[in-house]
Amino acid sequence: MAEAIAFDIAAELIIQLSSPALSQVGLWWNLKHDLHDLKRSWAS
């Protein structure tokens, strides 16, 4: 029983900590893609 509670707490902690990190990666990825598109449009 205690192991299940500890596992649930650990899983929730991982989810809470990883969400902001994944959001930041997504923002940087979109920025990189947008800059690439901007360079292509300027070159055309």
Protein backbone atom coordinates (compact mmCIF):
# COMPACT_ATOMS: atom_id res chain seq x y z
CA MET A 1 0.00 0.00 0.00
CA ALA A 2 2.75 2.45 0.94
CA GLU A 3 4.63 1.58 -2.25
CA ALA A 4 1.59 2.43 -4.36
CA ILE A 5 1.23 5.81 -2.65
CA ALA A 6 4.93 6.56 -3.08
CA PHE A 7 4.74 5.57 -6.75
CA ASP A 8 1.72 7.83 -7.33
CA ILE A 9 3.47 10.76 -5.65
CA ALA A 10 6.65 10.18 -7.69
CA ALA A 11 4.68 9.93 -10.94
CA GLU A 12 2.79 13.15 -10.21
CA LEU A 13 6.03 14.93 -9.32
CA ILE A 14 7.64 13.84 -12.58
CA ILE A 15 4.62 15.02 -14.56
CA GLN A 16 4.58 18.40 -12.80
CA LEU A 17 8.30 18.97 -13.32
CA SER A 18 8.45 17.78 -16.91
CA SER A 19 5.52 19.82 -18.21
CA PRO A 20 7.29 23.22 -18.04
CA ALA A 21 10.45 21.71 -19.51
CA LEU A 22 8.54 20.19 -22.42
CA SER A 23 6.74 23.47 -22.99
CA GLN A 24 10.06 25.30 -23.23
CA VAL A 25 11.43 22.75 -25.69
CA GLY A 26 8.30 23.19 -27.79
CA LEU A 27 8.66 26.97 -27.76
CA TRP A 28 12.32 26.78 -28.81
CA TRP A 29 11.49 24.27 -31.54
CA ASN A 30 8.79 26.55 -32.95
CA LEU A 31 11.14 29.54 -32.80
CA LYS A 32 13.81 27.61 -34.68
CA HIS A 33 11.27 26.58 -37.32
CA ASP A 34 9.94 30.13 -37.66
CA LEU A 35 13.44 31.56 -38.08
CA HIS A 36 14.18 28.99 -40.76
CA ASP A 37 10.99 29.95 -42.61
CA LEU A 38 11.85 33.64 -42.29
CA LYS A 39 15.32 33.06 -43.75
CA ARG A 40 13.81 31.14 -46.67
CA SER A 41 11.27 33.88 -47.36
CA TRP A 42 13.99 36.56 -47.33
CA ALA A 43 16.13 34.50 -49.70
CA SER A 44 13.30 34.15 -52.22
